[in-house]
C-alpha atoms as a PDB file:
ATOM      1  CA  MET A   1    -111.453  25.194 190.056  1.00  0.00           C
ATOM      2  CA  ALA A   2    -110.898  28.911 189.294  1.00  0.00           C
ATOM      3  CA  PHE A   3    -110.794  31.305 192.116  1.00  0.00           C
ATOM      4  CA  ASN A   4    -111.505  35.086 191.783  1.00  0.00           C
ATOM      5  CA  TYR A   5    -108.873  36.570 194.369  1.00  0.00           C
ATOM      6  CA  PRO A   6    -109.297  39.880 195.814  1.00  0.00           C
ATOM      7  CA  ASN A   7    -106.831  42.482 194.282  1.00  0.00           C
ATOM      8  CA  ALA A   8    -104.031  43.225 196.836  1.00  0.00           C
ATOM      9  CA  ARG A   9    -102.598  46.917 196.127  1.00  0.00           C
ATOM     10  CA  ARG A  10     -99.203  46.976 195.397  1.00  0.00           C
ATOM     11  CA  ASP A  11     -97.239  50.405 196.501  1.00  0.00           C
ATOM     12  CA  GLU A  12     -94.036  50.297 194.754  1.00  0.00           C
ATOM     13  CA  THR A  13     -92.916  53.322 196.807  1.00  0.00           C
ATOM     14  CA  LYS A  14     -92.170  51.338 199.973  1.00  0.00           C
ATOM     15  CA  VAL A  15     -88.571  49.993 200.460  1.00  0.00           C
ATOM     16  CA  ALA A  16     -87.348  48.747 203.591  1.00  0.00           C
ATOM     17  CA  ASP A  17     -83.494  49.301 204.542  1.00  0.00           C
ATOM     18  CA  TYR A  18     -81.995  46.439 206.318  1.00  0.00           C
ATOM     19  CA  HIS A  19     -78.444  47.220 207.238  1.00  0.00           C
ATOM     20  CA  GLY A  20     -77.853  49.017 203.982  1.00  0.00           C
ATOM     21  CA  ASN A  21     -79.842  46.600 201.775  1.00  0.00           C
ATOM     22  CA  LYS A  22     -82.939  48.077 199.951  1.00  0.00           C
ATOM     23  CA  ILE A  23     -85.739  45.549 199.885  1.00  0.00           C
ATOM     24  CA  SER A  24     -89.047  46.425 198.012  1.00  0.00           C
ATOM     25  CA  ASP A  25     -91.831  45.989 200.425  1.00  0.00           C
ATOM     26  CA  PRO A  26     -95.064  46.497 198.295  1.00  0.00           C
ATOM     27  CA  TYR A  27     -97.350  44.987 200.571  1.00  0.00           C
ATOM     28  CA  GLU A  28     -96.227  46.948 203.830  1.00  0.00           C
ATOM     29  CA  TRP A  29     -99.674  48.422 204.157  1.00  0.00           C
ATOM     30  CA  LEU A  30    -101.286  44.939 205.003  1.00  0.00           C
ATOM     31  CA  GLU A  31     -98.840  44.921 208.249  1.00  0.00           C
ATOM     32  CA  ASP A  32    -101.297  47.254 210.057  1.00  0.00           C
ATOM     33  CA  PRO A  33    -104.023  44.845 211.303  1.00  0.00           C
ATOM     34  CA  ASP A  34    -106.299  47.667 212.247  1.00  0.00           C
ATOM     35  CA  SER A  35    -106.358  49.806 209.117  1.00  0.00           C
ATOM     36  CA  ALA A  36    -109.768  49.994 207.210  1.00  0.00           C
ATOM     37  CA  GLU A  37    -108.047  48.753 203.901  1.00  0.00           C
ATOM     38  CA  THR A  38    -106.229  45.622 205.629  1.00  0.00           C
ATOM     39  CA  MET A  39    -109.563  44.611 207.265  1.00  0.00           C
ATOM     40  CA  ALA A  40    -111.277  44.844 203.961  1.00  0.00           C
ATOM     41  CA  PHE A  41    -108.775  42.819 202.179  1.00  0.00           C
ATOM     42  CA  VAL A  42    -108.848  40.208 204.842  1.00  0.00           C
ATOM     43  CA  GLU A  43    -112.669  40.032 204.845  1.00  0.00           C
ATOM     44  CA  GLU A  44    -112.717  39.275 201.032  1.00  0.00           C
ATOM     45  CA  GLN A  45    -109.896  36.659 201.511  1.00  0.00           C
ATOM     46  CA  ASN A  46    -112.221  35.106 204.177  1.00  0.00           C
ATOM     47  CA  LYS A  47    -115.154  35.095 201.729  1.00  0.00           C
ATOM     48  CA  LEU A  48    -113.144  33.270 199.341  1.00  0.00           C
ATOM     49  CA  THR A  49    -111.614  30.712 202.019  1.00  0.00           C
ATOM     50  CA  MET A  50    -114.505  29.970 204.229  1.00  0.00           C
ATOM     51  CA  PRO A  51    -116.593  28.055 201.754  1.00  0.00           C
ATOM     52  CA  PHE A  52    -113.777  25.855 201.119  1.00  0.00           C
ATOM     53  CA  LEU A  53    -113.026  25.414 204.753  1.00  0.00           C
ATOM     54  CA  GLU A  54    -116.569  24.597 205.768  1.00  0.00           C
ATOM     55  CA  GLN A  55    -116.259  21.497 203.386  1.00  0.00           C
ATOM     56  CA  CYS A  56    -113.061  20.206 205.054  1.00  0.00           C
ATOM     57  CA  ALA A  57    -113.761  16.851 206.581  1.00  0.00           C
ATOM     58  CA  VAL A  58    -111.210  17.157 209.538  1.00  0.00           C
ATOM     59  CA  ARG A  59    -111.794  20.761 210.224  1.00  0.00           C
ATOM     60  CA  ASP A  60    -113.251  20.017 213.657  1.00  0.00           C
ATOM     61  CA  ARG A  61    -110.372  17.986 214.804  1.00  0.00           C
ATOM     62  CA  PHE A  62    -108.124  20.830 213.797  1.00  0.00           C
ATOM     63  CA  ARG A  63    -110.315  23.305 215.606  1.00  0.00           C
ATOM     64  CA  GLN A  64    -110.178  20.927 218.581  1.00  0.00           C
ATOM     65  CA  ARG A  65    -106.455  20.583 218.326  1.00  0.00           C
ATOM     66  CA  LEU A  66    -105.819  24.200 218.276  1.00  0.00           C
ATOM     67  CA  THR A  67    -108.428  25.381 220.797  1.00  0.00           C
END
């Protein structure tokens, strides 16, 4: 089964500095859950994921256990 995943923008300019160690963080923008860009990306991911989850035979058991 092939999936058409939404594009996730890479920002190659983002670099985190952890005690002098430079670590590339191209998806830092996804850390802001309130940004319009993050919300749009999550919505697209949900459109891909929900049809699969809705067919999951044990979904209700997981929901009951987690809520």
